[in-house]
Amino acid sequence: MLYLLSILPFPTISQTLRYLTDTSLKYLVMTKLPTLEDLEVSDNGTVTDDGVVYLRKMETLRRLRLQNLPGVDDPQMVIGR
């Protein structure tokens, strides 16, 4: 969680976030980061469908890139639920 807190002040988080978990994504949504517009989550084996579902609630996101997430069946379908 400390890693997550160190990157939060920025409007763009675009890096390989290997340390994110479903709980981390839930935290991002719960804090309602008013400045987060661009998020990339890739090359992460700990994020699952449950974590991706939380991202639907982030109204400030303008760009979301989900790539190489073995725990997520179909990111587009999960976001669309």
C-alpha atoms as a PDB file:
ATOM      1  CA  MET A   1       0.000   0.000   0.000  1.00  0.00           C
ATOM      2  CA  LEU A   2       2.897   2.390   0.632  1.00  0.00           C
ATOM      3  CA  TYR A   3       3.922   2.016  -3.016  1.00  0.00           C
ATOM      4  CA  LEU A   4       0.449   3.040  -4.080  1.00  0.00           C
ATOM      5  CA  LEU A   5       0.510   6.095  -1.836  1.00  0.00           C
ATOM      6  CA  SER A   6       3.799   7.224  -3.364  1.00  0.00           C
ATOM      7  CA  ILE A   7       2.300   7.517  -6.879  1.00  0.00           C
ATOM      8  CA  LEU A   8      -1.093   8.998  -6.061  1.00  0.00           C
ATOM      9  CA  PRO A   9      -0.471  12.750  -6.515  1.00  0.00           C
ATOM     10  CA  PHE A  10      -0.123  12.413 -10.282  1.00  0.00           C
ATOM     11  CA  PRO A  11      -2.911  12.648 -12.890  1.00  0.00           C
ATOM     12  CA  THR A  12      -1.264   9.858 -14.854  1.00  0.00           C
ATOM     13  CA  ILE A  13      -0.177   6.496 -13.561  1.00  0.00           C
ATOM     14  CA  SER A  14       1.330   4.762 -16.536  1.00  0.00           C
ATOM     15  CA  GLN A  15       3.844   2.180 -15.515  1.00  0.00           C
ATOM     16  CA  THR A  16       3.950  -1.501 -14.791  1.00  0.00           C
ATOM     17  CA  LEU A  17       2.128  -1.707 -11.494  1.00  0.00           C
ATOM     18  CA  ARG A  18       3.122  -5.176 -10.345  1.00  0.00           C
ATOM     19  CA  TYR A  19       2.347  -4.381  -6.741  1.00  0.00           C
ATOM     20  CA  LEU A  20      -1.300  -3.523  -7.267  1.00  0.00           C
ATOM     21  CA  THR A  21      -3.916  -5.927  -6.001  1.00  0.00           C
ATOM     22  CA  ASP A  22      -7.699  -5.963  -6.102  1.00  0.00           C
ATOM     23  CA  THR A  23      -7.615  -4.230  -2.701  1.00  0.00           C
ATOM     24  CA  SER A  24      -5.336  -1.506  -4.088  1.00  0.00           C
ATOM     25  CA  LEU A  25      -7.742  -0.836  -6.953  1.00  0.00           C
ATOM     26  CA  LYS A  26     -10.629  -0.670  -4.496  1.00  0.00           C
ATOM     27  CA  TYR A  27      -8.634   1.880  -2.476  1.00  0.00           C
ATOM     28  CA  LEU A  28      -8.051   3.998  -5.591  1.00  0.00           C
ATOM     29  CA  VAL A  29     -11.787   4.132  -6.170  1.00  0.00           C
ATOM     30  CA  MET A  30     -12.701   4.752  -2.525  1.00  0.00           C
ATOM     31  CA  THR A  31     -10.361   7.743  -2.276  1.00  0.00           C
ATOM     32  CA  LYS A  32     -12.026   9.205  -5.373  1.00  0.00           C
ATOM     33  CA  LEU A  33      -8.800  10.600  -6.692  1.00  0.00           C
ATOM     34  CA  PRO A  34      -9.921  13.829  -8.327  1.00  0.00           C
ATOM     35  CA  THR A  35      -6.786  14.136 -10.437  1.00  0.00           C
ATOM     36  CA  LEU A  36      -6.386  10.619 -11.816  1.00  0.00           C
ATOM     37  CA  GLU A  37      -7.181  10.696 -15.520  1.00  0.00           C
ATOM     38  CA  ASP A  38      -4.870   8.081 -17.012  1.00  0.00           C
ATOM     39  CA  LEU A  39      -4.234   4.622 -15.580  1.00  0.00           C
ATOM     40  CA  GLU A  40      -2.340   1.659 -16.961  1.00  0.00           C
ATOM     41  CA  VAL A  41      -2.312  -1.685 -15.201  1.00  0.00           C
ATOM     42  CA  SER A  42      -0.204  -4.267 -16.996  1.00  0.00           C
ATOM     43  CA  ASP A  43       1.973  -7.304 -16.409  1.00  0.00           C
ATOM     44  CA  ASN A  44       0.268  -8.011 -13.110  1.00  0.00           C
ATOM     45  CA  GLY A  45      -0.716 -11.483 -11.941  1.00  0.00           C
ATOM     46  CA  THR A  46      -2.482 -10.368  -8.761  1.00  0.00           C
ATOM     47  CA  VAL A  47      -5.282  -8.245 -10.230  1.00  0.00           C
ATOM     48  CA  THR A  48      -8.460 -10.203 -10.992  1.00  0.00           C
ATOM     49  CA  ASP A  49     -11.870  -9.495 -12.493  1.00  0.00           C
ATOM     50  CA  ASP A  50     -13.027  -8.290  -9.077  1.00  0.00           C
ATOM     51  CA  GLY A  51     -10.371  -5.558  -8.986  1.00  0.00           C
ATOM     52  CA  VAL A  52     -11.051  -4.377 -12.531  1.00  0.00           C
ATOM     53  CA  VAL A  53     -14.769  -4.006 -11.759  1.00  0.00           C
ATOM     54  CA  TYR A  54     -13.928  -1.308  -9.189  1.00  0.00           C
ATOM     55  CA  LEU A  55     -12.405   0.869 -11.910  1.00  0.00           C
ATOM     56  CA  ARG A  56     -15.825   1.437 -13.513  1.00  0.00           C
ATOM     57  CA  LYS A  57     -16.601   3.806 -10.651  1.00  0.00           C
ATOM     58  CA  MET A  58     -13.681   6.148 -11.370  1.00  0.00           C
ATOM     59  CA  GLU A  59     -15.434   9.005 -13.134  1.00  0.00           C
ATOM     60  CA  THR A  60     -12.283  11.060 -13.693  1.00  0.00           C
ATOM     61  CA  LEU A  61     -10.551   8.393 -15.797  1.00  0.00           C
ATOM     62  CA  ARG A  62     -10.209   9.405 -19.430  1.00  0.00           C
ATOM     63  CA  ARG A  63      -7.850   6.598 -20.436  1.00  0.00           C
ATOM     64  CA  LEU A  64      -7.595   3.106 -18.989  1.00  0.00           C
ATOM     65  CA  ARG A  65      -5.185   0.536 -20.349  1.00  0.00           C
ATOM     66  CA  LEU A  66      -5.381  -3.037 -19.080  1.00  0.00           C
ATOM     67  CA  GLN A  67      -2.845  -5.413 -20.548  1.00  0.00           C
ATOM     68  CA  ASN A  68      -1.330  -8.806 -19.742  1.00  0.00           C
ATOM     69  CA  LEU A  69      -3.402  -9.489 -16.640  1.00  0.00           C
ATOM     70  CA  PRO A  70      -3.588 -13.287 -16.255  1.00  0.00           C
ATOM     71  CA  GLY A  71      -6.198 -13.017 -13.486  1.00  0.00           C
ATOM     72  CA  VAL A  72      -8.618 -11.078 -15.716  1.00  0.00           C
ATOM     73  CA  ASP A  73     -10.613 -13.091 -18.238  1.00  0.00           C
ATOM     74  CA  ASP A  74     -11.646 -10.308 -20.611  1.00  0.00           C
ATOM     75  CA  PRO A  75     -10.963  -6.737 -19.392  1.00  0.00           C
ATOM     76  CA  GLN A  76     -13.419  -5.078 -21.797  1.00  0.00           C
ATOM     77  CA  MET A  77     -16.215  -7.402 -20.755  1.00  0.00           C
ATOM     78  CA  VAL A  78     -15.424  -6.953 -17.048  1.00  0.00           C
ATOM     79  CA  ILE A  79     -15.474  -3.142 -17.352  1.00  0.00           C
ATOM     80  CA  GLY A  80     -18.780  -3.327 -19.204  1.00  0.00           C
ATOM     81  CA  ARG A  81     -20.571  -5.328 -16.504  1.00  0.00           C
END
